[in-house]
Amino acid sequence: MAKIGIFDSGYGGLTILDAIRRELPGYDYLYLGDNARAPYGTHSFDVIYRYTLQAVQYLINKNCALIILACNTASAKALRTIQQKDLVTINDERLAMSRGKPVNVLGVIRPTVEAVPAITKSKHVGILGTPATVSSESYVLELEKIAPNLTISQQACPMWVPLIESGEFTNEGADFFVDEYLRAILSKDPQIDTLVLGCTHYPLLQAKIDAWLQNNPIIPNTPNIQTIAQGDLVAHSLKDYLSRHPEYREQLITGGSCTYLTTENADRFSQSASNFLGSPIQAESIQLGN
């Protein structure tokens, strides 16, 4: 029987994993954080694609039937190529085997995008993401497909993931970069009433982001600007997906376990991940390709 794999470049995907396990507690999960090569957001397309494919292949070899790219950068830069090219080959080979079962890889951008039109009132939306996610324009393209009446602005936030990965996101130093990027995006469009946290790391900064927005120095005396985190949206989407795709649901183990893997020091990851999740975990260190 198979597991659900959750992949991220580091710790951010834990916010997705936590929401999915609350929504679907019965399944077995395998979490893989490529912390040794994080952050992904400043890498080229070729590097992001190669790193992501290595992780996907590893999780498939560890008997994951469904893999969630709990990383907006990987979803933006690598998901489509993996789905349209690599999975075709992988599934053809699996189905050619007498016991081969199909596998699939899903992202986090589409479930987020689908929620946005019902939330925004002003129809002005801001996307906060890594440089790679912003440059891909994945959110813009997907939103334009389902809600062409929206005005969309983007802001790259290159320092947020390093702050979170280093454990500095609760410190006062993080306030400087929260202020810098929020000022920048609201200066582009003061009518924004909805901000998408387009990186699974960013919910760890959400308290600082929301506090800044409540005392908004750019647009004072305005209604609250809503921030959209992805965890619950992705979890609901996965639950719906499994209800519509019994060929994957029927492969999954219902044991409720979760295994944690990292490409960095296991003790360091275990300590940080335990802090993020609010409960102790023990990770194992593994190595992906070059």
C-alpha atoms as a PDB file:
ATOM      1  CA  MET A   1       0.000   0.000   0.000  1.00  0.00           C
ATOM      2  CA  ALA A   2       1.123   3.570  -0.756  1.00  0.00           C
ATOM      3  CA  LYS A   3       1.617   6.870   1.030  1.00  0.00           C
ATOM      4  CA  ILE A   4       1.001  10.539   0.256  1.00  0.00           C
ATOM      5  CA  GLY A   5       4.277  12.378  -0.297  1.00  0.00           C
ATOM      6  CA  ILE A   6       4.694  16.043   0.624  1.00  0.00           C
ATOM      7  CA  PHE A   7       7.707  17.817  -0.841  1.00  0.00           C
ATOM      8  CA  ASP A   8       9.125  21.265  -0.123  1.00  0.00           C
ATOM      9  CA  SER A   9      12.455  22.992  -0.500  1.00  0.00           C
ATOM     10  CA  GLY A  10      12.610  23.291   3.282  1.00  0.00           C
ATOM     11  CA  TYR A  11      10.334  23.886   6.257  1.00  0.00           C
ATOM     12  CA  GLY A  12       7.491  25.784   4.582  1.00  0.00           C
ATOM     13  CA  GLY A  13       5.723  22.659   3.389  1.00  0.00           C
ATOM     14  CA  LEU A  14       5.137  21.714   7.007  1.00  0.00           C
ATOM     15  CA  THR A  15       2.321  24.287   6.991  1.00  0.00           C
ATOM     16  CA  ILE A  16       0.705  22.321   4.140  1.00  0.00           C
ATOM     17  CA  LEU A  17       1.365  18.956   5.763  1.00  0.00           C
ATOM     18  CA  ASP A  18      -0.189  20.102   9.038  1.00  0.00           C
ATOM     19  CA  ALA A  19      -3.382  21.274   7.312  1.00  0.00           C
ATOM     20  CA  ILE A  20      -3.643  18.114   5.189  1.00  0.00           C
ATOM     21  CA  ARG A  21      -3.228  15.833   8.207  1.00  0.00           C
ATOM     22  CA  ARG A  22      -5.953  17.721  10.055  1.00  0.00           C
ATOM     23  CA  GLU A  23      -8.283  17.327   7.049  1.00  0.00           C
ATOM     24  CA  LEU A  24      -7.245  13.754   6.172  1.00  0.00           C
ATOM     25  CA  PRO A  25      -5.787  12.217   9.344  1.00  0.00           C
ATOM     26  CA  GLY A  26      -6.206   8.580   8.341  1.00  0.00           C
ATOM     27  CA  TYR A  27      -3.554   8.314   5.631  1.00  0.00           C
ATOM     28  CA  ASP A  28       0.178   7.670   5.908  1.00  0.00           C
ATOM     29  CA  TYR A  29       2.467  10.548   4.891  1.00  0.00           C
ATOM     30  CA  LEU A  30       6.087  10.979   3.883  1.00  0.00           C
ATOM     31  CA  TYR A  31       7.485  14.510   4.143  1.00  0.00           C
ATOM     32  CA  LEU A  32      10.681  15.455   2.312  1.00  0.00           C
ATOM     33  CA  GLY A  33      12.403  18.804   2.849  1.00  0.00           C
ATOM     34  CA  ASP A  34      15.352  19.626   0.585  1.00  0.00           C
ATOM     35  CA  ASN A  35      16.810  21.972   3.184  1.00  0.00           C
ATOM     36  CA  ALA A  36      20.401  21.458   2.068  1.00  0.00           C
ATOM     37  CA  ARG A  37      19.613  23.172  -1.254  1.00  0.00           C
ATOM     38  CA  ALA A  38      17.075  25.740  -0.053  1.00  0.00           C
ATOM     39  CA  PRO A  39      15.921  28.290  -0.936  1.00  0.00           C
ATOM     40  CA  TYR A  40      14.712  27.336  -4.416  1.00  0.00           C
ATOM     41  CA  GLY A  41      13.302  30.771  -5.194  1.00  0.00           C
ATOM     42  CA  THR A  42      16.520  32.310  -6.510  1.00  0.00           C
ATOM     43  CA  HIS A  43      17.526  29.380  -8.752  1.00  0.00           C
ATOM     44  CA  SER A  44      17.058  29.080 -12.515  1.00  0.00           C
ATOM     45  CA  PHE A  45      14.278  27.050 -14.124  1.00  0.00           C
ATOM     46  CA  ASP A  46      16.663  24.224 -15.031  1.00  0.00           C
ATOM     47  CA  VAL A  47      17.977  23.875 -11.479  1.00  0.00           C
ATOM     48  CA  ILE A  48      14.511  24.022  -9.880  1.00  0.00           C
ATOM     49  CA  TYR A  49      13.182  21.451 -12.333  1.00  0.00           C
ATOM     50  CA  ARG A  50      16.139  19.109 -11.737  1.00  0.00           C
ATOM     51  CA  TYR A  51      15.930  19.366  -7.946  1.00  0.00           C
ATOM     52  CA  THR A  52      12.163  18.870  -7.952  1.00  0.00           C
ATOM     53  CA  LEU A  53      12.277  15.877 -10.295  1.00  0.00           C
ATOM     54  CA  GLN A  54      14.914  14.235  -8.097  1.00  0.00           C
ATOM     55  CA  ALA A  55      12.623  14.622  -5.082  1.00  0.00           C
ATOM     56  CA  VAL A  56       9.592  13.317  -6.985  1.00  0.00           C
ATOM     57  CA  GLN A  57      11.490  10.268  -8.191  1.00  0.00           C
ATOM     58  CA  TYR A  58      12.743   9.604  -4.667  1.00  0.00           C
ATOM     59  CA  LEU A  59       9.212   9.736  -3.228  1.00  0.00           C
ATOM     60  CA  ILE A  60       7.856   7.486  -5.971  1.00  0.00           C
ATOM     61  CA  ASN A  61      10.606   4.981  -5.158  1.00  0.00           C
ATOM     62  CA  LYS A  62       9.459   5.191  -1.529  1.00  0.00           C
ATOM     63  CA  ASN A  63       5.973   4.088  -2.637  1.00  0.00           C
ATOM     64  CA  CYS A  64       4.127   7.406  -2.713  1.00  0.00           C
ATOM     65  CA  ALA A  65       1.102   7.251  -5.026  1.00  0.00           C
ATOM     66  CA  LEU A  66       0.311  10.960  -4.724  1.00  0.00           C
ATOM     67  CA  ILE A  67       2.914  13.681  -4.291  1.00  0.00           C
ATOM     68  CA  ILE A  68       2.055  17.260  -3.329  1.00  0.00           C
ATOM     69  CA  LEU A  69       4.588  19.894  -4.325  1.00  0.00           C
ATOM     70  CA  ALA A  70       4.105  21.976  -1.177  1.00  0.00           C
ATOM     71  CA  CYS A  71       6.383  24.605  -2.681  1.00  0.00           C
ATOM     72  CA  ASN A  72       5.116  27.413  -4.876  1.00  0.00           C
ATOM     73  CA  THR A  73       8.457  27.753  -6.646  1.00  0.00           C
ATOM     74  CA  ALA A  74       8.466  24.062  -7.603  1.00  0.00           C
ATOM     75  CA  SER A  75       4.771  24.244  -8.540  1.00  0.00           C
ATOM     76  CA  ALA A  76       5.411  27.283 -10.719  1.00  0.00           C
ATOM     77  CA  LYS A  77       8.612  26.159 -12.389  1.00  0.00           C
ATOM     78  CA  ALA A  78       8.579  22.348 -12.492  1.00  0.00           C
ATOM     79  CA  LEU A  79       5.078  20.926 -12.024  1.00  0.00           C
ATOM     80  CA  ARG A  80       3.787  21.243 -15.582  1.00  0.00           C
ATOM     81  CA  THR A  81       6.895  19.697 -17.155  1.00  0.00           C
ATOM     82  CA  ILE A  82       6.855  16.832 -14.659  1.00  0.00           C
ATOM     83  CA  GLN A  83       3.148  16.185 -15.251  1.00  0.00           C
ATOM     84  CA  GLN A  84       3.305  16.406 -19.044  1.00  0.00           C
ATOM     85  CA  LYS A  85       6.676  14.733 -19.640  1.00  0.00           C
ATOM     86  CA  ASP A  86       8.142  12.733 -16.783  1.00  0.00           C
ATOM     87  CA  LEU A  87       4.954  11.255 -15.306  1.00  0.00           C
ATOM     88  CA  VAL A  88       3.884   9.962 -18.707  1.00  0.00           C
ATOM     89  CA  THR A  89       7.087   7.919 -18.920  1.00  0.00           C
ATOM     90  CA  ILE A  90       6.941   6.856 -15.267  1.00  0.00           C
ATOM     91  CA  ASN A  91       3.312   5.699 -15.480  1.00  0.00           C
ATOM     92  CA  ASP A  92       3.841   3.920 -18.788  1.00  0.00           C
ATOM     93  CA  GLU A  93       6.634   1.943 -17.159  1.00  0.00           C
ATOM     94  CA  ARG A  94       4.566   1.215 -14.038  1.00  0.00           C
ATOM     95  CA  LEU A  95       1.490   0.140 -15.973  1.00  0.00           C
ATOM     96  CA  ALA A  96       3.648  -2.156 -18.097  1.00  0.00           C
ATOM     97  CA  MET A  97       4.468  -4.046 -14.894  1.00  0.00           C
ATOM     98  CA  SER A  98       1.976  -6.619 -13.703  1.00  0.00           C
ATOM     99  CA  ARG A  99       1.432  -4.757 -10.401  1.00  0.00           C
ATOM    100  CA  GLY A 100       2.136  -1.237 -11.557  1.00  0.00           C
ATOM    101  CA  LYS A 101      -0.271   1.443 -10.292  1.00  0.00           C
ATOM    102  CA  PRO A 102      -0.502   5.055 -11.482  1.00  0.00           C
ATOM    103  CA  VAL A 103       1.124   7.909  -9.561  1.00  0.00           C
ATOM    104  CA  ASN A 104       0.439  11.630  -9.788  1.00  0.00           C
ATOM    105  CA  VAL A 105       1.990  14.932  -8.728  1.00  0.00           C
ATOM    106  CA  LEU A 106      -0.133  17.915  -7.686  1.00  0.00           C
ATOM    107  CA  GLY A 107       0.746  21.534  -6.877  1.00  0.00           C
ATOM    108  CA  VAL A 108      -0.442  24.272  -4.530  1.00  0.00           C
ATOM    109  CA  ILE A 109      -1.081  27.163  -6.909  1.00  0.00           C
ATOM    110  CA  ARG A 110      -4.349  26.053  -8.516  1.00  0.00           C
ATOM    111  CA  PRO A 111      -6.220  25.404  -5.218  1.00  0.00           C
ATOM    112  CA  THR A 112      -5.147  28.844  -4.000  1.00  0.00           C
ATOM    113  CA  VAL A 113      -6.141  30.642  -7.187  1.00  0.00           C
ATOM    114  CA  GLU A 114      -9.608  29.093  -7.184  1.00  0.00           C
ATOM    115  CA  ALA A 115     -10.371  30.667  -3.788  1.00  0.00           C
ATOM    116  CA  VAL A 116      -9.314  34.222  -4.631  1.00  0.00           C
ATOM    117  CA  PRO A 117     -12.270  35.553  -6.724  1.00  0.00           C
ATOM    118  CA  ALA A 118     -14.774  34.862  -3.943  1.00  0.00           C
ATOM    119  CA  ILE A 119     -12.634  36.640  -1.340  1.00  0.00           C
ATOM    120  CA  THR A 120     -11.678  39.932  -2.984  1.00  0.00           C
ATOM    121  CA  LYS A 121     -14.284  42.722  -2.977  1.00  0.00           C
ATOM    122  CA  SER A 122     -12.245  45.432  -4.689  1.00  0.00           C
ATOM    123  CA  LYS A 123     -11.089  42.982  -7.398  1.00  0.00           C
ATOM    124  CA  HIS A 124      -7.521  44.144  -6.753  1.00  0.00           C
ATOM    125  CA  VAL A 125      -5.245  41.303  -5.640  1.00  0.00           C
ATOM    126  CA  GLY A 126      -1.603  41.163  -4.603  1.00  0.00           C
ATOM    127  CA  ILE A 127       0.725  38.160  -4.909  1.00  0.00           C
ATOM    128  CA  LEU A 128       3.685  37.840  -2.534  1.00  0.00           C
ATOM    129  CA  GLY A 129       6.168  35.193  -3.653  1.00  0.00           C
ATOM    130  CA  THR A 130       9.736  34.153  -4.256  1.00  0.00           C
ATOM    131  CA  PRO A 131      11.561  35.710  -7.217  1.00  0.00           C
ATOM    132  CA  ALA A 132      11.094  32.467  -9.196  1.00  0.00           C
ATOM    133  CA  THR A 133       7.346  32.261  -8.522  1.00  0.00           C
ATOM    134  CA  VAL A 134       6.851  35.929  -9.410  1.00  0.00           C
ATOM    135  CA  SER A 135       8.919  35.712 -12.598  1.00  0.00           C
ATOM    136  CA  SER A 136       6.967  32.644 -13.730  1.00  0.00           C
ATOM    137  CA  GLU A 137       3.714  34.672 -13.539  1.00  0.00           C
ATOM    138  CA  SER A 138       1.945  31.418 -12.674  1.00  0.00           C
ATOM    139  CA  TYR A 139      -0.527  33.135 -10.354  1.00  0.00           C
ATOM    140  CA  VAL A 140      -1.245  35.856 -12.877  1.00  0.00           C
ATOM    141  CA  LEU A 141      -1.845  33.385 -15.701  1.00  0.00           C
ATOM    142  CA  GLU A 142      -4.056  31.099 -13.619  1.00  0.00           C
ATOM    143  CA  LEU A 143      -6.103  33.985 -12.206  1.00  0.00           C
ATOM    144  CA  GLU A 144      -6.594  35.490 -15.646  1.00  0.00           C
ATOM    145  CA  LYS A 145      -8.083  32.175 -16.807  1.00  0.00           C
ATOM    146  CA  ILE A 146     -10.800  32.050 -14.148  1.00  0.00           C
ATOM    147  CA  ALA A 147     -11.246  35.741 -13.238  1.00  0.00           C
ATOM    148  CA  PRO A 148     -10.111  38.063 -16.050  1.00  0.00           C
ATOM    149  CA  ASN A 149     -11.716  41.048 -14.306  1.00  0.00           C
ATOM    150  CA  LEU A 150      -9.108  41.112 -11.536  1.00  0.00           C
ATOM    151  CA  THR A 151      -6.255  43.609 -11.288  1.00  0.00           C
ATOM    152  CA  ILE A 152      -3.193  41.692 -10.132  1.00  0.00           C
ATOM    153  CA  SER A 153       0.088  43.009  -8.725  1.00  0.00           C
ATOM    154  CA  GLN A 154       3.086  40.938  -7.703  1.00  0.00           C
ATOM    155  CA  GLN A 155       5.966  41.464  -5.297  1.00  0.00           C
ATOM    156  CA  ALA A 156       9.049  39.286  -4.951  1.00  0.00           C
ATOM    157  CA  CYS A 157      10.140  38.823  -1.327  1.00  0.00           C
ATOM    158  CA  PRO A 158      13.616  37.283  -1.611  1.00  0.00           C
ATOM    159  CA  MET A 159      14.552  37.665   2.059  1.00  0.00           C
ATOM    160  CA  TRP A 160      11.523  36.024   3.651  1.00  0.00           C
ATOM    161  CA  VAL A 161      12.431  32.380   3.020  1.00  0.00           C
ATOM    162  CA  PRO A 162      16.030  32.765   4.273  1.00  0.00           C
ATOM    163  CA  LEU A 163      14.706  34.438   7.433  1.00  0.00           C
ATOM    164  CA  ILE A 164      12.315  31.558   8.035  1.00  0.00           C
ATOM    165  CA  GLU A 165      14.816  28.815   7.184  1.00  0.00           C
ATOM    166  CA  SER A 166      17.341  30.348   9.587  1.00  0.00           C
ATOM    167  CA  GLY A 167      14.765  30.646  12.392  1.00  0.00           C
ATOM    168  CA  GLU A 168      15.000  34.456  12.417  1.00  0.00           C
ATOM    169  CA  PHE A 169      11.392  35.125  11.420  1.00  0.00           C
ATOM    170  CA  THR A 170      10.205  35.986  14.945  1.00  0.00           C
ATOM    171  CA  ASN A 171      12.972  38.522  15.524  1.00  0.00           C
ATOM    172  CA  GLU A 172      12.775  42.279  15.036  1.00  0.00           C
ATOM    173  CA  GLY A 173      15.064  42.035  12.024  1.00  0.00           C
ATOM    174  CA  ALA A 174      12.248  40.343  10.112  1.00  0.00           C
ATOM    175  CA  ASP A 175      10.084  43.442  10.668  1.00  0.00           C
ATOM    176  CA  PHE A 176      12.313  45.449   8.314  1.00  0.00           C
ATOM    177  CA  PHE A 177      11.731  43.102   5.385  1.00  0.00           C
ATOM    178  CA  VAL A 178       8.011  42.718   6.100  1.00  0.00           C
ATOM    179  CA  ASP A 179       7.728  46.504   5.973  1.00  0.00           C
ATOM    180  CA  GLU A 180       9.840  46.751   2.801  1.00  0.00           C
ATOM    181  CA  TYR A 181       7.863  44.278   0.710  1.00  0.00           C
ATOM    182  CA  LEU A 182       4.394  45.272   1.914  1.00  0.00           C
ATOM    183  CA  ARG A 183       5.137  48.947   1.254  1.00  0.00           C
ATOM    184  CA  ALA A 184       6.327  48.006  -2.221  1.00  0.00           C
ATOM    185  CA  ILE A 185       3.241  46.048  -3.265  1.00  0.00           C
ATOM    186  CA  LEU A 186       0.716  48.490  -1.816  1.00  0.00           C
ATOM    187  CA  SER A 187       2.536  51.362  -3.481  1.00  0.00           C
ATOM    188  CA  LYS A 188       1.978  49.569  -6.792  1.00  0.00           C
ATOM    189  CA  ASP A 189      -1.774  49.310  -6.146  1.00  0.00           C
ATOM    190  CA  PRO A 190      -3.381  50.979  -3.098  1.00  0.00           C
ATOM    191  CA  GLN A 191      -6.721  49.317  -3.916  1.00  0.00           C
ATOM    192  CA  ILE A 192      -5.497  45.810  -3.069  1.00  0.00           C
ATOM    193  CA  ASP A 193      -7.803  44.169  -0.516  1.00  0.00           C
ATOM    194  CA  THR A 194      -6.477  40.593  -0.797  1.00  0.00           C
ATOM    195  CA  LEU A 195      -2.876  39.429  -0.466  1.00  0.00           C
ATOM    196  CA  VAL A 196      -1.961  35.892  -1.474  1.00  0.00           C
ATOM    197  CA  LEU A 197       0.920  34.417   0.512  1.00  0.00           C
ATOM    198  CA  GLY A 198       2.356  32.680  -2.526  1.00  0.00           C
ATOM    199  CA  CYS A 199       4.937  30.623  -0.670  1.00  0.00           C
ATOM    200  CA  THR A 200       4.258  27.914   1.900  1.00  0.00           C
ATOM    201  CA  HIS A 201       6.925  29.424   4.162  1.00  0.00           C
ATOM    202  CA  TYR A 202       5.085  32.718   4.465  1.00  0.00           C
ATOM    203  CA  PRO A 203       2.386  31.679   7.002  1.00  0.00           C
ATOM    204  CA  LEU A 204       5.196  31.658   9.546  1.00  0.00           C
ATOM    205  CA  LEU A 205       5.399  35.434   8.983  1.00  0.00           C
ATOM    206  CA  GLN A 206       1.638  35.917   8.846  1.00  0.00           C
ATOM    207  CA  ALA A 207       1.343  37.356  12.363  1.00  0.00           C
ATOM    208  CA  LYS A 208       3.858  40.083  11.474  1.00  0.00           C
ATOM    209  CA  ILE A 209       2.213  40.669   8.081  1.00  0.00           C
ATOM    210  CA  ASP A 210      -1.269  41.013   9.589  1.00  0.00           C
ATOM    211  CA  ALA A 211      -0.004  43.297  12.362  1.00  0.00           C
ATOM    212  CA  TRP A 212       1.600  45.564   9.753  1.00  0.00           C
ATOM    213  CA  LEU A 213      -1.581  45.629   7.686  1.00  0.00           C
ATOM    214  CA  GLN A 214      -3.703  46.591  10.699  1.00  0.00           C
ATOM    215  CA  ASN A 215      -1.553  49.710  11.099  1.00  0.00           C
ATOM    216  CA  ASN A 216      -1.105  50.232   7.380  1.00  0.00           C
ATOM    217  CA  PRO A 217       1.149  53.308   6.860  1.00  0.00           C
ATOM    218  CA  ILE A 218       0.502  53.354   3.101  1.00  0.00           C
ATOM    219  CA  ILE A 219      -3.306  53.408   3.163  1.00  0.00           C
ATOM    220  CA  PRO A 220      -4.510  54.456   6.635  1.00  0.00           C
ATOM    221  CA  ASN A 221      -8.136  54.188   7.706  1.00  0.00           C
ATOM    222  CA  THR A 222      -9.023  51.515   5.153  1.00  0.00           C
ATOM    223  CA  PRO A 223     -10.848  48.210   5.647  1.00  0.00           C
ATOM    224  CA  ASN A 224      -8.671  45.279   6.618  1.00  0.00           C
ATOM    225  CA  ILE A 225      -6.663  43.686   3.854  1.00  0.00           C
ATOM    226  CA  GLN A 226      -7.084  39.918   3.929  1.00  0.00           C
ATOM    227  CA  THR A 227      -4.159  37.536   3.673  1.00  0.00           C
ATOM    228  CA  ILE A 228      -4.641  34.119   2.103  1.00  0.00           C
ATOM    229  CA  ALA A 229      -2.528  31.236   3.390  1.00  0.00           C
ATOM    230  CA  GLN A 230      -2.565  28.005   1.435  1.00  0.00           C
ATOM    231  CA  GLY A 231      -2.748  25.165   3.963  1.00  0.00           C
ATOM    232  CA  ASP A 232      -6.500  24.722   4.369  1.00  0.00           C
ATOM    233  CA  LEU A 233      -7.162  25.445   0.681  1.00  0.00           C
ATOM    234  CA  VAL A 234      -4.746  22.736  -0.449  1.00  0.00           C
ATOM    235  CA  ALA A 235      -6.112  20.288   2.137  1.00  0.00           C
ATOM    236  CA  HIS A 236      -9.724  20.777   0.989  1.00  0.00           C
ATOM    237  CA  SER A 237      -8.641  20.436  -2.631  1.00  0.00           C
ATOM    238  CA  LEU A 238      -6.800  17.184  -1.927  1.00  0.00           C
ATOM    239  CA  LYS A 239      -9.801  15.750  -0.107  1.00  0.00           C
ATOM    240  CA  ASP A 240     -11.980  16.563  -3.109  1.00  0.00           C
ATOM    241  CA  TYR A 241      -9.397  15.112  -5.489  1.00  0.00           C
ATOM    242  CA  LEU A 242      -9.299  11.808  -3.611  1.00  0.00           C
ATOM    243  CA  SER A 243     -13.101  11.597  -3.624  1.00  0.00           C
ATOM    244  CA  ARG A 244     -13.037  11.925  -7.431  1.00  0.00           C
ATOM    245  CA  HIS A 245     -10.078   9.622  -8.058  1.00  0.00           C
ATOM    246  CA  PRO A 246     -10.535   6.230  -6.413  1.00  0.00           C
ATOM    247  CA  GLU A 247      -7.586   4.869  -8.434  1.00  0.00           C
ATOM    248  CA  TYR A 248      -5.311   6.804  -6.060  1.00  0.00           C
ATOM    249  CA  ARG A 249      -7.407   6.670  -2.902  1.00  0.00           C
ATOM    250  CA  GLU A 250      -7.606   2.876  -3.015  1.00  0.00           C
ATOM    251  CA  GLN A 251      -3.804   2.600  -3.060  1.00  0.00           C
ATOM    252  CA  LEU A 252      -3.294   4.584   0.133  1.00  0.00           C
ATOM    253  CA  ILE A 253      -2.459   3.162   3.545  1.00  0.00           C
ATOM    254  CA  THR A 254      -4.818   4.241   6.332  1.00  0.00           C
ATOM    255  CA  GLY A 255      -2.488   4.114   9.281  1.00  0.00           C
ATOM    256  CA  GLY A 256      -2.201   7.791  10.234  1.00  0.00           C
ATOM    257  CA  SER A 257       1.601   7.803  10.379  1.00  0.00           C
ATOM    258  CA  CYS A 258       4.047  10.445   9.154  1.00  0.00           C
ATOM    259  CA  THR A 259       7.731  10.029   8.328  1.00  0.00           C
ATOM    260  CA  TYR A 260      10.029  13.056   7.987  1.00  0.00           C
ATOM    261  CA  LEU A 261      13.036  13.191   5.680  1.00  0.00           C
ATOM    262  CA  THR A 262      15.516  16.020   5.107  1.00  0.00           C
ATOM    263  CA  THR A 263      18.619  16.562   3.020  1.00  0.00           C
ATOM    264  CA  GLU A 264      20.310  18.452   5.866  1.00  0.00           C
ATOM    265  CA  ASN A 265      21.293  17.489   9.402  1.00  0.00           C
ATOM    266  CA  ALA A 266      18.464  15.393  10.840  1.00  0.00           C
ATOM    267  CA  ASP A 267      18.773  16.730  14.399  1.00  0.00           C
ATOM    268  CA  ARG A 268      18.653  20.337  13.235  1.00  0.00           C
ATOM    269  CA  PHE A 269      15.631  19.666  11.038  1.00  0.00           C
ATOM    270  CA  SER A 270      13.874  17.743  13.815  1.00  0.00           C
ATOM    271  CA  GLN A 271      14.295  20.611  16.264  1.00  0.00           C
ATOM    272  CA  SER A 272      13.098  23.283  13.842  1.00  0.00           C
ATOM    273  CA  ALA A 273      10.227  21.186  12.490  1.00  0.00           C
ATOM    274  CA  SER A 274       9.084  20.373  16.031  1.00  0.00           C
ATOM    275  CA  ASN A 275       8.926  24.108  16.758  1.00  0.00           C
ATOM    276  CA  PHE A 276       6.935  24.782  13.566  1.00  0.00           C
ATOM    277  CA  LEU A 277       4.466  21.937  14.203  1.00  0.00           C
ATOM    278  CA  GLY A 278       4.161  22.400  17.961  1.00  0.00           C
ATOM    279  CA  SER A 279       4.921  18.734  18.633  1.00  0.00           C
ATOM    280  CA  PRO A 280       8.102  16.662  18.669  1.00  0.00           C
ATOM    281  CA  ILE A 281       9.170  14.814  15.534  1.00  0.00           C
ATOM    282  CA  GLN A 282      12.257  12.850  14.563  1.00  0.00           C
ATOM    283  CA  ALA A 283      13.607  13.155  11.019  1.00  0.00           C
ATOM    284  CA  GLU A 284      15.982  11.049   8.973  1.00  0.00           C
ATOM    285  CA  SER A 285      18.670  12.547   6.749  1.00  0.00           C
ATOM    286  CA  ILE A 286      18.817  11.426   3.111  1.00  0.00           C
ATOM    287  CA  GLN A 287      20.721  12.549   0.006  1.00  0.00           C
ATOM    288  CA  LEU A 288      19.241  13.501  -3.341  1.00  0.00           C
ATOM    289  CA  GLY A 289      21.195  13.877  -6.591  1.00  0.00           C
ATOM    290  CA  ASN A 290      23.676  16.635  -7.334  1.00  0.00           C
END
